[in-house]
Structures are given as structure tokens and as C-alpha cells.
Amino acid sequence: LDRHLARLARSADALGLTVGDVRSGVDAVLGPGIDPCGPDGAVNG
């Protein structure tokens, strides 16, 4: 995981979510295969 997803995972862990849940959520929002920190992603978008 890149540092942004790692931070999301730590936040989600506090809420009882798994990394898989977080990744599924990212895929649901951004579309599968899109790197949230890549040129098409929400972080750098």
C-alpha cells in the first residue's frame, strides 16, 4: 500500500474495517485499477 492508502487503512482499522474494505471503497469511488495517488486519482487529480 502506498502511504495514502496506508493512512486510510489505519483510520478504517479504528472503525473496524479491513484493508480490503478500504480498497473496495476506493475502487467503488474511483473505479477499479485507478491509483488514488496517480495522475487520474483523487489525491493528485
PDB file of N, CA and C in Angstrom:
ATOM      1  N   LEU A   1       0.843  -1.201   0.000  1.00  0.00           N
ATOM      2  CA  LEU A   1       0.000   0.000   0.000  1.00  0.00           C
ATOM      3  C   LEU A   1       0.875   1.247   0.000  1.00  0.00           C
ATOM      4  N   ASP A   2       0.471   2.214  -0.772  1.00  0.00           N
ATOM      5  CA  ASP A   2       1.188   3.490  -0.690  1.00  0.00           C
ATOM      6  C   ASP A   2       0.788   4.202   0.594  1.00  0.00           C
ATOM      7  N   ARG A   3       1.470   5.276   0.894  1.00  0.00           N
ATOM      8  CA  ARG A   3       1.254   5.881   2.212  1.00  0.00           C
ATOM      9  C   ARG A   3      -0.155   6.433   2.380  1.00  0.00           C
ATOM     10  N   HIS A   4      -0.798   6.848   1.302  1.00  0.00           N
ATOM     11  CA  HIS A   4      -2.157   7.381   1.432  1.00  0.00           C
ATOM     12  C   HIS A   4      -3.144   6.260   1.777  1.00  0.00           C
ATOM     13  N   LEU A   5      -3.013   5.129   1.077  1.00  0.00           N
ATOM     14  CA  LEU A   5      -3.891   4.008   1.403  1.00  0.00           C
ATOM     15  C   LEU A   5      -3.570   3.452   2.778  1.00  0.00           C
ATOM     16  N   ALA A   6      -2.291   3.494   3.156  1.00  0.00           N
ATOM     17  CA  ALA A   6      -1.926   3.030   4.491  1.00  0.00           C
ATOM     18  C   ALA A   6      -2.587   3.894   5.562  1.00  0.00           C
ATOM     19  N   ARG A   7      -2.614   5.204   5.321  1.00  0.00           N
ATOM     20  CA  ARG A   7      -3.258   6.116   6.274  1.00  0.00           C
ATOM     21  C   ARG A   7      -4.770   5.838   6.326  1.00  0.00           C
ATOM     22  N   LEU A   8      -5.367   5.627   5.163  1.00  0.00           N
ATOM     23  CA  LEU A   8      -6.785   5.269   5.122  1.00  0.00           C
ATOM     24  C   LEU A   8      -7.029   3.976   5.880  1.00  0.00           C
ATOM     25  N   ALA A   9      -6.131   3.014   5.685  1.00  0.00           N
ATOM     26  CA  ALA A   9      -6.296   1.715   6.335  1.00  0.00           C
ATOM     27  C   ALA A   9      -6.228   1.855   7.851  1.00  0.00           C
ATOM     28  N   ARG A  10      -5.311   2.694   8.341  1.00  0.00           N
ATOM     29  CA  ARG A  10      -5.214   2.896   9.790  1.00  0.00           C
ATOM     30  C   ARG A  10      -6.492   3.547  10.324  1.00  0.00           C
ATOM     31  N   SER A  11      -7.010   4.528   9.595  1.00  0.00           N
ATOM     32  CA  SER A  11      -8.250   5.179  10.015  1.00  0.00           C
ATOM     33  C   SER A  11      -9.402   4.180  10.005  1.00  0.00           C
ATOM     34  N   ALA A  12      -9.460   3.391   8.956  1.00  0.00           N
ATOM     35  CA  ALA A  12     -10.535   2.411   8.833  1.00  0.00           C
ATOM     36  C   ALA A  12     -10.417   1.340   9.900  1.00  0.00           C
ATOM     37  N   ASP A  13      -9.169   0.978  10.238  1.00  0.00           N
ATOM     38  CA  ASP A  13      -8.967  -0.057  11.252  1.00  0.00           C
ATOM     39  C   ASP A  13      -9.597   0.361  12.575  1.00  0.00           C
ATOM     40  N   ALA A  14      -9.532   1.632  12.880  1.00  0.00           N
ATOM     41  CA  ALA A  14     -10.140   2.146  14.104  1.00  0.00           C
ATOM     42  C   ALA A  14     -11.666   2.010  14.066  1.00  0.00           C
ATOM     43  N   LEU A  15     -12.218   1.945  12.865  1.00  0.00           N
ATOM     44  CA  LEU A  15     -13.661   1.794  12.696  1.00  0.00           C
ATOM     45  C   LEU A  15     -14.055   0.334  12.488  1.00  0.00           C
ATOM     46  N   GLY A  16     -13.066  -0.560  12.536  1.00  0.00           N
ATOM     47  CA  GLY A  16     -13.352  -1.979  12.396  1.00  0.00           C
ATOM     48  C   GLY A  16     -13.455  -2.446  10.953  1.00  0.00           C
ATOM     49  N   LEU A  17     -12.975  -1.646  10.031  1.00  0.00           N
ATOM     50  CA  LEU A  17     -12.955  -2.050   8.629  1.00  0.00           C
ATOM     51  C   LEU A  17     -11.626  -2.705   8.304  1.00  0.00           C
ATOM     52  N   THR A  18     -11.617  -3.520   7.259  1.00  0.00           N
ATOM     53  CA  THR A  18     -10.378  -4.154   6.831  1.00  0.00           C
ATOM     54  C   THR A  18      -9.773  -3.373   5.674  1.00  0.00           C
ATOM     55  N   VAL A  19      -8.514  -3.653   5.398  1.00  0.00           N
ATOM     56  CA  VAL A  19      -7.864  -3.029   4.251  1.00  0.00           C
ATOM     57  C   VAL A  19      -8.626  -3.361   2.973  1.00  0.00           C
ATOM     58  N   GLY A  20      -9.120  -4.580   2.896  1.00  0.00           N
ATOM     59  CA  GLY A  20      -9.917  -4.974   1.735  1.00  0.00           C
ATOM     60  C   GLY A  20     -11.164  -4.110   1.575  1.00  0.00           C
ATOM     61  N   ASP A  21     -11.798  -3.777   2.686  1.00  0.00           N
ATOM     62  CA  ASP A  21     -12.968  -2.900   2.640  1.00  0.00           C
ATOM     63  C   ASP A  21     -12.590  -1.532   2.097  1.00  0.00           C
ATOM     64  N   VAL A  22     -11.435  -1.039   2.569  1.00  0.00           N
ATOM     65  CA  VAL A  22     -10.973   0.274   2.128  1.00  0.00           C
ATOM     66  C   VAL A  22     -10.681   0.255   0.637  1.00  0.00           C
ATOM     67  N   ARG A  23      -9.970  -0.760   0.185  1.00  0.00           N
ATOM     68  CA  ARG A  23      -9.628  -0.855  -1.229  1.00  0.00           C
ATOM     69  C   ARG A  23     -10.880  -1.001  -2.080  1.00  0.00           C
ATOM     70  N   SER A  24     -11.843  -1.763  -1.592  1.00  0.00           N
ATOM     71  CA  SER A  24     -13.107  -1.905  -2.309  1.00  0.00           C
ATOM     72  C   SER A  24     -13.827  -0.561  -2.402  1.00  0.00           C
ATOM     73  N   GLY A  25     -13.760   0.203  -1.317  1.00  0.00           N
ATOM     74  CA  GLY A  25     -14.373   1.524  -1.317  1.00  0.00           C
ATOM     75  C   GLY A  25     -13.699   2.457  -2.300  1.00  0.00           C
ATOM     76  N   VAL A  26     -12.365   2.398  -2.340  1.00  0.00           N
ATOM     77  CA  VAL A  26     -11.617   3.218  -3.292  1.00  0.00           C
ATOM     78  C   VAL A  26     -11.993   2.828  -4.711  1.00  0.00           C
ATOM     79  N   ASP A  27     -12.049   1.512  -4.982  1.00  0.00           N
ATOM     80  CA  ASP A  27     -12.436   1.047  -6.304  1.00  0.00           C
ATOM     81  C   ASP A  27     -13.851   1.492  -6.657  1.00  0.00           C
ATOM     82  N   ALA A  28     -14.744   1.483  -5.670  1.00  0.00           N
ATOM     83  CA  ALA A  28     -16.129   1.878  -5.920  1.00  0.00           C
ATOM     84  C   ALA A  28     -16.236   3.356  -6.282  1.00  0.00           C
ATOM     85  N   VAL A  29     -15.383   4.160  -5.630  1.00  0.00           N
ATOM     86  CA  VAL A  29     -15.444   5.606  -5.865  1.00  0.00           C
ATOM     87  C   VAL A  29     -14.692   6.001  -7.129  1.00  0.00           C
ATOM     88  N   LEU A  30     -13.486   5.468  -7.298  1.00  0.00           N
ATOM     89  CA  LEU A  30     -12.610   5.904  -8.382  1.00  0.00           C
ATOM     90  C   LEU A  30     -12.638   4.985  -9.589  1.00  0.00           C
ATOM     91  N   GLY A  31     -13.178   3.778  -9.394  1.00  0.00           N
ATOM     92  CA  GLY A  31     -13.149   2.782 -10.449  1.00  0.00           C
ATOM     93  C   GLY A  31     -11.979   1.839 -10.239  1.00  0.00           C
ATOM     94  N   PRO A  32     -12.162   0.562 -10.535  1.00  0.00           N
ATOM     95  CA  PRO A  32     -11.115  -0.417 -10.309  1.00  0.00           C
ATOM     96  C   PRO A  32      -9.866  -0.108 -11.120  1.00  0.00           C
ATOM     97  N   GLY A  33      -8.726  -0.309 -10.502  1.00  0.00           N
ATOM     98  CA  GLY A  33      -7.460  -0.152 -11.211  1.00  0.00           C
ATOM     99  C   GLY A  33      -6.932   1.269 -11.256  1.00  0.00           C
ATOM    100  N   ILE A  34      -7.675   2.229 -10.703  1.00  0.00           N
ATOM    101  CA  ILE A  34      -7.195   3.606 -10.689  1.00  0.00           C
ATOM    102  C   ILE A  34      -6.413   3.833  -9.403  1.00  0.00           C
ATOM    103  N   ASP A  35      -5.192   4.309  -9.540  1.00  0.00           N
ATOM    104  CA  ASP A  35      -4.361   4.612  -8.378  1.00  0.00           C
ATOM    105  C   ASP A  35      -4.814   5.945  -7.814  1.00  0.00           C
ATOM    106  N   PRO A  36      -5.288   5.974  -6.544  1.00  0.00           N
ATOM    107  CA  PRO A  36      -5.795   7.225  -5.990  1.00  0.00           C
ATOM    108  C   PRO A  36      -4.729   8.313  -5.889  1.00  0.00           C
ATOM    109  N   CYS A  37      -3.464   7.912  -5.946  1.00  0.00           N
ATOM    110  CA  CYS A  37      -2.380   8.888  -5.876  1.00  0.00           C
ATOM    111  C   CYS A  37      -1.742   9.106  -7.243  1.00  0.00           C
ATOM    112  N   GLY A  38      -2.301   8.489  -8.257  1.00  0.00           N
ATOM    113  CA  GLY A  38      -1.777   8.633  -9.609  1.00  0.00           C
ATOM    114  C   GLY A  38      -2.343   9.861 -10.297  1.00  0.00           C
ATOM    115  N   PRO A  39      -1.975  10.054 -11.547  1.00  0.00           N
ATOM    116  CA  PRO A  39      -2.387  11.260 -12.277  1.00  0.00           C
ATOM    117  C   PRO A  39      -3.900  11.373 -12.458  1.00  0.00           C
ATOM    118  N   ASP A  40      -4.597  10.230 -12.443  1.00  0.00           N
ATOM    119  CA  ASP A  40      -6.052  10.254 -12.602  1.00  0.00           C
ATOM    120  C   ASP A  40      -6.776  10.166 -11.266  1.00  0.00           C
ATOM    121  N   GLY A  41      -6.007  10.120 -10.188  1.00  0.00           N
ATOM    122  CA  GLY A  41      -6.611   9.858  -8.891  1.00  0.00           C
ATOM    123  C   GLY A  41      -7.046  11.102  -8.149  1.00  0.00           C
ATOM    124  N   ALA A  42      -7.755  10.863  -7.059  1.00  0.00           N
ATOM    125  CA  ALA A  42      -8.347  11.952  -6.286  1.00  0.00           C
ATOM    126  C   ALA A  42      -7.296  12.780  -5.550  1.00  0.00           C
ATOM    127  N   VAL A  43      -6.191  12.122  -5.157  1.00  0.00           N
ATOM    128  CA  VAL A  43      -5.217  12.824  -4.323  1.00  0.00           C
ATOM    129  C   VAL A  43      -4.454  13.868  -5.129  1.00  0.00           C
ATOM    130  N   ASN A  44      -3.964  13.441  -6.310  1.00  0.00           N
ATOM    131  CA  ASN A  44      -3.199  14.362  -7.146  1.00  0.00           C
ATOM    132  C   ASN A  44      -4.037  14.948  -8.267  1.00  0.00           C
ATOM    133  N   GLY A  45      -5.219  14.366  -8.469  1.00  0.00           N
ATOM    134  CA  GLY A  45      -6.093  14.627  -9.591  1.00  0.00           C
ATOM    135  C   GLY A  45      -6.119  16.032 -10.071  1.00  0.00           C
TER     136      GLY A  45
END
